[in-house]
Amino acid sequence: MTFENVGPVSDFAKGTALQVEVDGVEIAVVHADDGQFYAVRDECSHASVALSEGEVDGCTLECWLHGSRFDLRTGEPSGPPAFSPVAVYPVEIRDGDIYVSTTPSNGVEP
């Protein structure tokens, strides 16, 4: 499994999501309220808008347009209007930097 460096931990404030690009795919890297880092495809499966512009709540990321919430661990939506999951990518922290895998861990294609 290949991982790409997406920046230092210090660039990602707790409770926020930032868009990064890994192998041509836009990914939202989230520093969740639980202190962990997660990475999901930065496109709502319902309306094709950037999830990184939404709100972080616990281990979910809410789409700013229609309010769909996605579990950062599984990519699954918690309710309508989204019904399809988003891709979830493994994250590693190495020497103060965040690395995101180029392969989704939940089998959803980017």
Protein backbone atom coordinates (compact mmCIF):
# COMPACT_ATOMS: atom_id res chain seq x y z
CA MET A 1 0.00 0.00 0.00
CA THR A 2 1.38 3.40 -1.02
CA PHE A 3 1.08 6.46 1.20
CA GLU A 4 1.58 10.11 0.21
CA ASN A 5 2.69 12.91 2.55
CA VAL A 6 -0.07 15.55 2.68
CA GLY A 7 1.51 17.90 5.20
CA PRO A 8 2.42 18.45 8.84
CA VAL A 9 -0.06 17.65 11.60
CA SER A 10 0.18 21.29 12.70
CA ASP A 11 -1.57 22.40 9.47
CA PHE A 12 -4.78 20.56 10.45
CA ALA A 13 -6.64 22.20 13.34
CA LYS A 14 -8.82 19.93 15.47
CA GLY A 15 -12.43 19.94 14.30
CA THR A 16 -11.61 20.93 10.73
CA ALA A 17 -11.34 19.38 7.28
CA LEU A 18 -8.88 20.40 4.58
CA GLN A 19 -8.79 19.39 0.94
CA VAL A 20 -5.62 17.74 -0.36
CA GLU A 21 -4.85 16.00 -3.62
CA VAL A 22 -3.40 12.50 -3.67
CA ASP A 23 -2.71 10.83 -7.03
CA GLY A 24 -5.11 13.23 -8.75
CA VAL A 25 -7.95 12.51 -6.29
CA GLU A 26 -9.33 15.26 -4.05
CA ILE A 27 -9.46 14.02 -0.47
CA ALA A 28 -10.76 15.67 2.70
CA VAL A 29 -8.34 15.14 5.58
CA VAL A 30 -10.20 15.60 8.85
CA HIS A 31 -8.78 16.21 12.33
CA ALA A 32 -11.83 14.92 14.15
CA ASP A 33 -13.11 15.83 17.58
CA ASP A 34 -11.73 12.50 18.90
CA GLY A 35 -8.20 13.73 18.04
CA GLN A 36 -7.76 11.19 15.24
CA PHE A 37 -7.11 11.96 11.58
CA TYR A 38 -9.35 10.58 8.86
CA ALA A 39 -9.40 10.86 5.07
CA VAL A 40 -12.43 10.58 2.79
CA ARG A 41 -13.15 11.36 -0.86
CA ASP A 42 -13.82 15.10 -0.96
CA GLU A 43 -17.05 14.79 -2.90
CA CYS A 44 -20.53 14.23 -1.49
CA SER A 45 -22.05 11.10 -3.04
CA HIS A 46 -25.37 12.93 -3.33
CA ALA A 47 -24.60 16.34 -4.82
CA SER A 48 -20.94 16.24 -5.96
CA VAL A 49 -19.84 19.15 -3.74
CA ALA A 50 -16.72 19.37 -1.56
CA LEU A 51 -17.21 17.73 1.83
CA SER A 52 -14.14 19.58 3.13
CA GLU A 53 -16.29 22.72 3.22
CA GLY A 54 -18.71 21.07 5.64
CA GLU A 55 -18.86 20.78 9.42
CA VAL A 56 -17.00 18.21 11.50
CA ASP A 57 -19.11 16.75 14.31
CA GLY A 58 -17.49 13.99 16.32
CA CYS A 59 -16.53 11.34 13.76
CA THR A 60 -18.84 12.63 11.05
CA LEU A 61 -18.47 15.16 8.27
CA GLU A 62 -21.60 17.01 7.17
CA CYS A 63 -22.14 18.14 3.59
CA TRP A 64 -22.71 21.88 3.61
CA LEU A 65 -25.26 21.82 0.79
CA HIS A 66 -27.98 19.37 1.86
CA GLY A 67 -26.83 18.17 5.29
CA SER A 68 -25.88 14.55 4.58
CA ARG A 69 -23.50 13.24 7.24
CA PHE A 70 -20.79 10.71 6.52
CA ASP A 71 -19.07 8.49 9.08
CA LEU A 72 -15.34 9.24 8.80
CA ARG A 73 -14.44 5.65 9.72
CA THR A 74 -16.64 3.85 7.19
CA GLY A 75 -17.74 6.47 4.64
CA GLU A 76 -21.37 5.49 5.19
CA PRO A 77 -24.01 8.22 5.16
CA SER A 78 -26.17 8.41 8.28
CA GLY A 79 -29.30 9.34 6.34
CA PRO A 80 -30.77 11.06 3.31
CA PRO A 81 -30.38 12.68 0.99
CA ALA A 82 -27.15 10.67 0.45
CA PHE A 83 -27.54 6.90 0.20
CA SER A 84 -24.11 5.89 -1.17
CA PRO A 85 -20.89 5.85 0.87
CA VAL A 86 -17.79 7.88 0.06
CA ALA A 87 -14.32 6.34 -0.25
CA VAL A 88 -12.29 6.20 2.99
CA TYR A 89 -8.49 6.22 2.92
CA PRO A 90 -6.07 4.92 5.56
CA VAL A 91 -4.08 7.59 7.40
CA GLU A 92 -0.72 7.30 9.16
CA ILE A 93 1.15 9.86 11.25
CA ARG A 94 4.93 9.69 10.80
CA ASP A 95 7.38 12.09 12.41
CA GLY A 96 4.77 14.84 12.69
CA ASP A 97 3.48 14.49 9.13
CA ILE A 98 0.20 13.06 7.83
CA TYR A 99 0.33 10.35 5.18
CA VAL A 100 -2.74 9.22 3.25
CA SER A 101 -2.99 5.97 1.33
CA THR A 102 -3.83 6.04 -2.34
CA THR A 103 -6.10 2.98 -1.95
CA PRO A 104 -9.55 3.24 -0.34
CA SER A 105 -9.96 0.97 2.67
CA ASN A 106 -13.72 0.51 2.31
CA GLY A 107 -13.75 -0.71 -1.30
CA VAL A 108 -15.53 2.38 -2.65
CA GLU A 109 -13.92 3.65 -5.83
CA PRO A 110 -12.91 7.33 -5.90
